[in-house]
């Protein structure tokens, strides 16, 4: 099973709530702002709520630790251009 996401979001997709599975391993969350601006949040589902693990608004990345479960990407304040997002576990197994 593949875990994570690798996707480019375009303008006017504010509030995008794209969910995907995470294997519980240390992961990487990175964005590349190809043009425009906006904020991308990485969130983990706990019960019926999603809590923010990290948030990025410029080119960059970070490692994160989160238990096995459902993660989601949320885009905000994104009115022009496009942003590429990658979330992957550092180890698939």
C-alpha atoms as a PDB file:
ATOM      1  CA  UNK A   1       0.000   0.000   0.000  1.00  0.00           C
ATOM      2  CA  UNK A   2       1.247   3.487  -0.852  1.00  0.00           C
ATOM      3  CA  UNK A   3       1.046   6.086   1.863  1.00  0.00           C
ATOM      4  CA  UNK A   4       1.077   9.843   1.479  1.00  0.00           C
ATOM      5  CA  UNK A   5       0.288  12.314  -1.246  1.00  0.00           C
ATOM      6  CA  UNK A   6       2.112  14.096  -4.075  1.00  0.00           C
ATOM      7  CA  UNK A   7      -0.149  16.690  -5.691  1.00  0.00           C
ATOM      8  CA  UNK A   8      -0.256  20.207  -7.108  1.00  0.00           C
ATOM      9  CA  UNK A   9      -3.068  22.460  -5.930  1.00  0.00           C
ATOM     10  CA  UNK A  10      -4.195  25.390  -8.067  1.00  0.00           C
ATOM     11  CA  UNK A  11      -5.685  28.735  -7.047  1.00  0.00           C
ATOM     12  CA  UNK A  12      -9.183  28.975  -5.612  1.00  0.00           C
ATOM     13  CA  UNK A  13      -9.004  25.577  -3.929  1.00  0.00           C
ATOM     14  CA  UNK A  14      -9.187  27.130  -0.432  1.00  0.00           C
ATOM     15  CA  UNK A  15     -10.502  24.709   2.127  1.00  0.00           C
ATOM     16  CA  UNK A  16      -9.354  21.667   0.189  1.00  0.00           C
ATOM     17  CA  UNK A  17      -9.660  18.746   2.605  1.00  0.00           C
ATOM     18  CA  UNK A  18      -7.852  15.895   0.918  1.00  0.00           C
ATOM     19  CA  UNK A  19      -7.422  12.841   3.167  1.00  0.00           C
ATOM     20  CA  UNK A  20      -4.973   9.960   2.834  1.00  0.00           C
ATOM     21  CA  UNK A  21      -3.519   7.137   4.929  1.00  0.00           C
ATOM     22  CA  UNK A  22      -0.327   7.387   6.984  1.00  0.00           C
ATOM     23  CA  UNK A  23       1.644   4.334   8.158  1.00  0.00           C
ATOM     24  CA  UNK A  24       2.727   5.766  11.521  1.00  0.00           C
ATOM     25  CA  UNK A  25       6.374   6.199  10.561  1.00  0.00           C
ATOM     26  CA  UNK A  26       8.335   9.460  10.692  1.00  0.00           C
ATOM     27  CA  UNK A  27       7.352  11.418   7.607  1.00  0.00           C
ATOM     28  CA  UNK A  28       8.223  14.448   5.520  1.00  0.00           C
ATOM     29  CA  UNK A  29       5.866  17.316   4.673  1.00  0.00           C
ATOM     30  CA  UNK A  30       7.147  19.636   1.927  1.00  0.00           C
ATOM     31  CA  UNK A  31       5.706  22.319  -0.316  1.00  0.00           C
ATOM     32  CA  UNK A  32       6.986  24.160  -3.355  1.00  0.00           C
ATOM     33  CA  UNK A  33       5.245  27.415  -4.170  1.00  0.00           C
ATOM     34  CA  UNK A  34       5.402  27.462  -7.962  1.00  0.00           C
ATOM     35  CA  UNK A  35       3.640  30.827  -8.129  1.00  0.00           C
ATOM     36  CA  UNK A  36       1.236  32.835  -5.984  1.00  0.00           C
ATOM     37  CA  UNK A  37       0.939  32.293  -2.259  1.00  0.00           C
ATOM     38  CA  UNK A  38      -1.074  30.440   0.329  1.00  0.00           C
ATOM     39  CA  UNK A  39      -0.850  28.287   3.423  1.00  0.00           C
ATOM     40  CA  UNK A  40      -0.894  24.495   3.496  1.00  0.00           C
ATOM     41  CA  UNK A  41      -1.704  22.620   6.719  1.00  0.00           C
ATOM     42  CA  UNK A  42      -0.974  18.987   7.493  1.00  0.00           C
ATOM     43  CA  UNK A  43      -3.523  17.554   9.915  1.00  0.00           C
ATOM     44  CA  UNK A  44      -4.078  14.230  11.716  1.00  0.00           C
ATOM     45  CA  UNK A  45      -7.527  12.816  12.459  1.00  0.00           C
ATOM     46  CA  UNK A  46      -8.284  12.110  16.118  1.00  0.00           C
ATOM     47  CA  UNK A  47     -11.804  10.753  16.500  1.00  0.00           C
ATOM     48  CA  UNK A  48     -14.015  13.085  14.477  1.00  0.00           C
ATOM     49  CA  UNK A  49     -11.601  16.049  14.712  1.00  0.00           C
ATOM     50  CA  UNK A  50      -8.531  16.999  12.696  1.00  0.00           C
ATOM     51  CA  UNK A  51      -5.615  18.600  14.548  1.00  0.00           C
ATOM     52  CA  UNK A  52      -2.823  20.518  12.851  1.00  0.00           C
ATOM     53  CA  UNK A  53       0.609  18.869  12.880  1.00  0.00           C
ATOM     54  CA  UNK A  54       2.328  21.658  10.943  1.00  0.00           C
ATOM     55  CA  UNK A  55       1.648  24.526   8.555  1.00  0.00           C
ATOM     56  CA  UNK A  56       3.823  25.903   5.737  1.00  0.00           C
ATOM     57  CA  UNK A  57       3.419  29.129   3.743  1.00  0.00           C
ATOM     58  CA  UNK A  58       6.653  29.203   1.743  1.00  0.00           C
ATOM     59  CA  UNK A  59       8.966  26.751  -0.027  1.00  0.00           C
ATOM     60  CA  UNK A  60      10.234  24.302   2.547  1.00  0.00           C
ATOM     61  CA  UNK A  61       9.675  21.143   4.442  1.00  0.00           C
ATOM     62  CA  UNK A  62       9.755  19.489   7.797  1.00  0.00           C
ATOM     63  CA  UNK A  63       9.779  16.049   9.363  1.00  0.00           C
ATOM     64  CA  UNK A  64       6.841  14.962  11.472  1.00  0.00           C
ATOM     65  CA  UNK A  65       5.850  12.062  13.711  1.00  0.00           C
ATOM     66  CA  UNK A  66       2.242  10.921  13.772  1.00  0.00           C
ATOM     67  CA  UNK A  67       0.581   7.610  14.604  1.00  0.00           C
ATOM     68  CA  UNK A  68      -0.901   5.350  11.945  1.00  0.00           C
ATOM     69  CA  UNK A  69      -4.162   6.761  10.677  1.00  0.00           C
ATOM     70  CA  UNK A  70      -5.694   9.400   8.451  1.00  0.00           C
ATOM     71  CA  UNK A  71      -3.958  12.657   7.542  1.00  0.00           C
ATOM     72  CA  UNK A  72      -5.299  15.504   5.459  1.00  0.00           C
ATOM     73  CA  UNK A  73      -4.073  18.532   3.546  1.00  0.00           C
ATOM     74  CA  UNK A  74      -5.919  21.831   3.976  1.00  0.00           C
ATOM     75  CA  UNK A  75      -5.192  24.849   1.752  1.00  0.00           C
ATOM     76  CA  UNK A  76      -5.927  28.408   2.905  1.00  0.00           C
ATOM     77  CA  UNK A  77      -5.578  32.002   1.583  1.00  0.00           C
ATOM     78  CA  UNK A  78      -4.692  30.676  -1.829  1.00  0.00           C
ATOM     79  CA  UNK A  79      -5.959  33.017  -4.541  1.00  0.00           C
ATOM     80  CA  UNK A  80      -3.460  32.668  -7.387  1.00  0.00           C
ATOM     81  CA  UNK A  81      -0.845  30.328  -8.801  1.00  0.00           C
ATOM     82  CA  UNK A  82      -0.168  26.772  -7.670  1.00  0.00           C
ATOM     83  CA  UNK A  83       1.528  24.946  -4.831  1.00  0.00           C
ATOM     84  CA  UNK A  84       3.013  21.450  -5.010  1.00  0.00           C
ATOM     85  CA  UNK A  85       2.644  19.329  -1.867  1.00  0.00           C
ATOM     86  CA  UNK A  86       4.426  16.111  -0.909  1.00  0.00           C
ATOM     87  CA  UNK A  87       3.700  14.108   2.245  1.00  0.00           C
ATOM     88  CA  UNK A  88       5.463  10.754   2.530  1.00  0.00           C
ATOM     89  CA  UNK A  89       6.712   8.441   5.243  1.00  0.00           C
ATOM     90  CA  UNK A  90      10.504   8.221   5.271  1.00  0.00           C
ATOM     91  CA  UNK A  91      10.100   4.429   5.386  1.00  0.00           C
ATOM     92  CA  UNK A  92       7.157   2.703   3.667  1.00  0.00           C
ATOM     93  CA  UNK A  93       7.460  -0.491   5.781  1.00  0.00           C
END
